[in-house]
Protein backbone atom coordinates (compact mmCIF):
# COMPACT_ATOMS: atom_id res chain seq x y z
CA UNK A 1 0.03 -0.18 -0.30
CA UNK A 2 1.32 3.22 -1.24
CA UNK A 3 1.63 6.39 1.18
CA UNK A 4 0.91 9.34 -0.82
CA UNK A 5 3.05 13.00 -0.57
CA UNK A 6 2.01 16.14 -1.95
CA UNK A 7 4.26 15.34 -4.32
CA UNK A 8 2.21 12.04 -5.30
CA UNK A 9 -0.91 12.86 -4.40
CA UNK A 10 -1.99 13.60 -7.69
CA UNK A 11 -0.25 10.71 -10.15
CA UNK A 12 -1.59 8.51 -8.14
CA UNK A 13 -5.25 9.42 -8.28
CA UNK A 14 -5.04 10.15 -12.15
CA UNK A 15 -2.79 8.14 -13.39
CA UNK A 16 -4.35 4.80 -11.57
CA UNK A 17 -6.29 2.13 -13.99
CA UNK A 18 -9.94 2.77 -12.22
CA UNK A 19 -10.64 4.15 -8.89
CA UNK A 20 -8.88 4.53 -6.05
CA UNK A 21 -9.72 4.99 -2.43
CA UNK A 22 -7.58 6.87 -0.07
CA UNK A 23 -7.18 6.75 2.92
CA UNK A 24 -6.64 10.36 4.71
CA UNK A 25 -5.34 9.72 8.45
CA UNK A 26 -3.26 11.25 11.20
CA UNK A 27 -1.09 9.40 14.47
CA UNK A 28 -3.28 11.49 16.86
CA UNK A 29 -6.65 9.82 15.66
CA UNK A 30 -7.30 6.68 17.34
CA UNK A 31 -9.87 6.14 14.74
CA UNK A 32 -7.14 5.64 11.98
CA UNK A 33 -5.70 3.00 14.38
CA UNK A 34 -8.15 0.96 14.73
CA UNK A 35 -9.42 1.17 10.12
CA UNK A 36 -5.27 0.68 9.64
CA UNK A 37 -6.10 -3.46 9.88
CA UNK A 38 -9.74 -3.21 7.76
CA UNK A 39 -8.29 -1.19 5.58
CA UNK A 40 -4.96 -3.17 5.11
CA UNK A 41 -7.32 -6.47 4.87
CA UNK A 42 -10.04 -4.35 2.04
CA UNK A 43 -6.91 -3.82 0.00
CA UNK A 44 -6.27 -7.30 -0.36
CA UNK A 45 -9.52 -8.32 -0.81
CA UNK A 46 -10.24 -5.59 -3.59
CA UNK A 47 -7.31 -5.85 -5.69
CA UNK A 48 -7.56 -5.36 -8.49
CA UNK A 49 -11.03 -3.36 -8.46
CA UNK A 50 -9.87 -0.82 -5.91
CA UNK A 51 -6.49 1.28 -5.51
CA UNK A 52 -5.83 1.31 -1.98
CA UNK A 53 -3.76 4.55 -0.97
CA UNK A 54 -2.62 7.04 2.67
CA UNK A 55 -1.67 10.21 3.43
CA UNK A 56 -1.10 11.28 6.64
CA UNK A 57 -2.35 14.88 6.63
CA UNK A 58 -0.11 15.74 9.29
CA UNK A 59 2.54 15.51 6.44
CA UNK A 60 0.43 16.92 3.54
CA UNK A 61 -1.68 19.51 5.30
CA UNK A 62 -2.19 21.27 1.67
CA UNK A 63 -3.78 17.74 0.29
CA UNK A 64 -6.31 17.55 3.25
CA UNK A 65 -7.32 21.61 2.71
CA UNK A 66 -7.42 20.77 -0.87
CA UNK A 67 -10.08 18.16 -0.42
CA UNK A 68 -11.34 19.45 2.75
CA UNK A 69 -11.39 16.80 5.38
CA UNK A 70 -12.75 17.78 8.32
CA UNK A 71 -12.99 13.83 9.86
CA UNK A 72 -11.11 11.63 10.22
CA UNK A 73 -10.52 9.04 9.28
CA UNK A 74 -11.36 9.67 6.10
CA UNK A 75 -11.78 7.20 3.30
CA UNK A 76 -12.35 9.14 0.00
CA UNK A 77 -12.57 7.28 -3.38
CA UNK A 78 -11.22 8.85 -7.34
CA UNK A 79 -12.11 7.58 -10.42
CA UNK A 80 -10.01 9.22 -12.80
CA UNK A 81 -8.72 12.31 -10.36
CA UNK A 82 -12.15 12.93 -9.49
CA UNK A 83 -14.25 12.47 -6.03
CA UNK A 84 -16.93 10.25 -6.59
CA UNK A 85 -17.66 9.55 -2.65
CA UNK A 86 -16.78 9.70 1.06
CA UNK A 87 -16.64 8.14 4.19
CA UNK A 88 -16.12 9.83 7.26
CA UNK A 89 -15.94 8.22 10.51
CA UNK A 90 -14.43 4.64 11.83
CA UNK A 91 -17.20 2.01 10.57
CA UNK A 92 -17.13 -1.69 11.19
CA UNK A 93 -15.64 -3.51 8.00
CA UNK A 94 -19.10 -5.37 6.43
CA UNK A 95 -20.27 -1.06 6.54
CA UNK A 96 -17.53 -0.22 4.28
CA UNK A 97 -17.24 -3.00 2.53
CA UNK A 98 -21.12 -2.23 1.44
CA UNK A 99 -20.27 1.24 0.55
CA UNK A 100 -17.32 0.60 -1.24
CA UNK A 101 -19.39 -2.22 -3.83
CA UNK A 102 -22.36 0.51 -4.03
CA UNK A 103 -19.03 3.39 -4.77
CA UNK A 104 -17.83 0.42 -7.31
CA UNK A 105 -21.36 -0.25 -8.98
CA UNK A 106 -21.69 3.65 -9.78
CA UNK A 107 -18.22 4.20 -11.46
CA UNK A 108 -18.29 0.79 -13.38
C-alpha cells in the first residue's frame, strides 16, 4: 500500500487504472489506527478492482485542505482524479464493504 505525499498524490489518483480509495489519517487519531487493519485487509480483498493508498494529513496538510478533509478517518474514492464518494468515520468492516461495493457499482 502506497503512502502518498504532495509530490505523488495527483499522479496516483489520476493515472491509476480504475478507482482509488484514499485513507486520510493522522497519528493522533485513535479510530484511524483501528481502521488501518481493516483498510489493509480490504486492500487485499479488492486487489485489481480498487487501488488503496494512504495520506498522513499531518505531513501533507495541503492535500487535506484542498480536499476539505474535516473529520478523521476519512476515506475518499477517486475515479479518473474526480471524487466519487467519501466515508467519514470508523465503520465496521462489513459496512465499509457495502459502501465500497455500492461505489464500485456506480463507477463501473
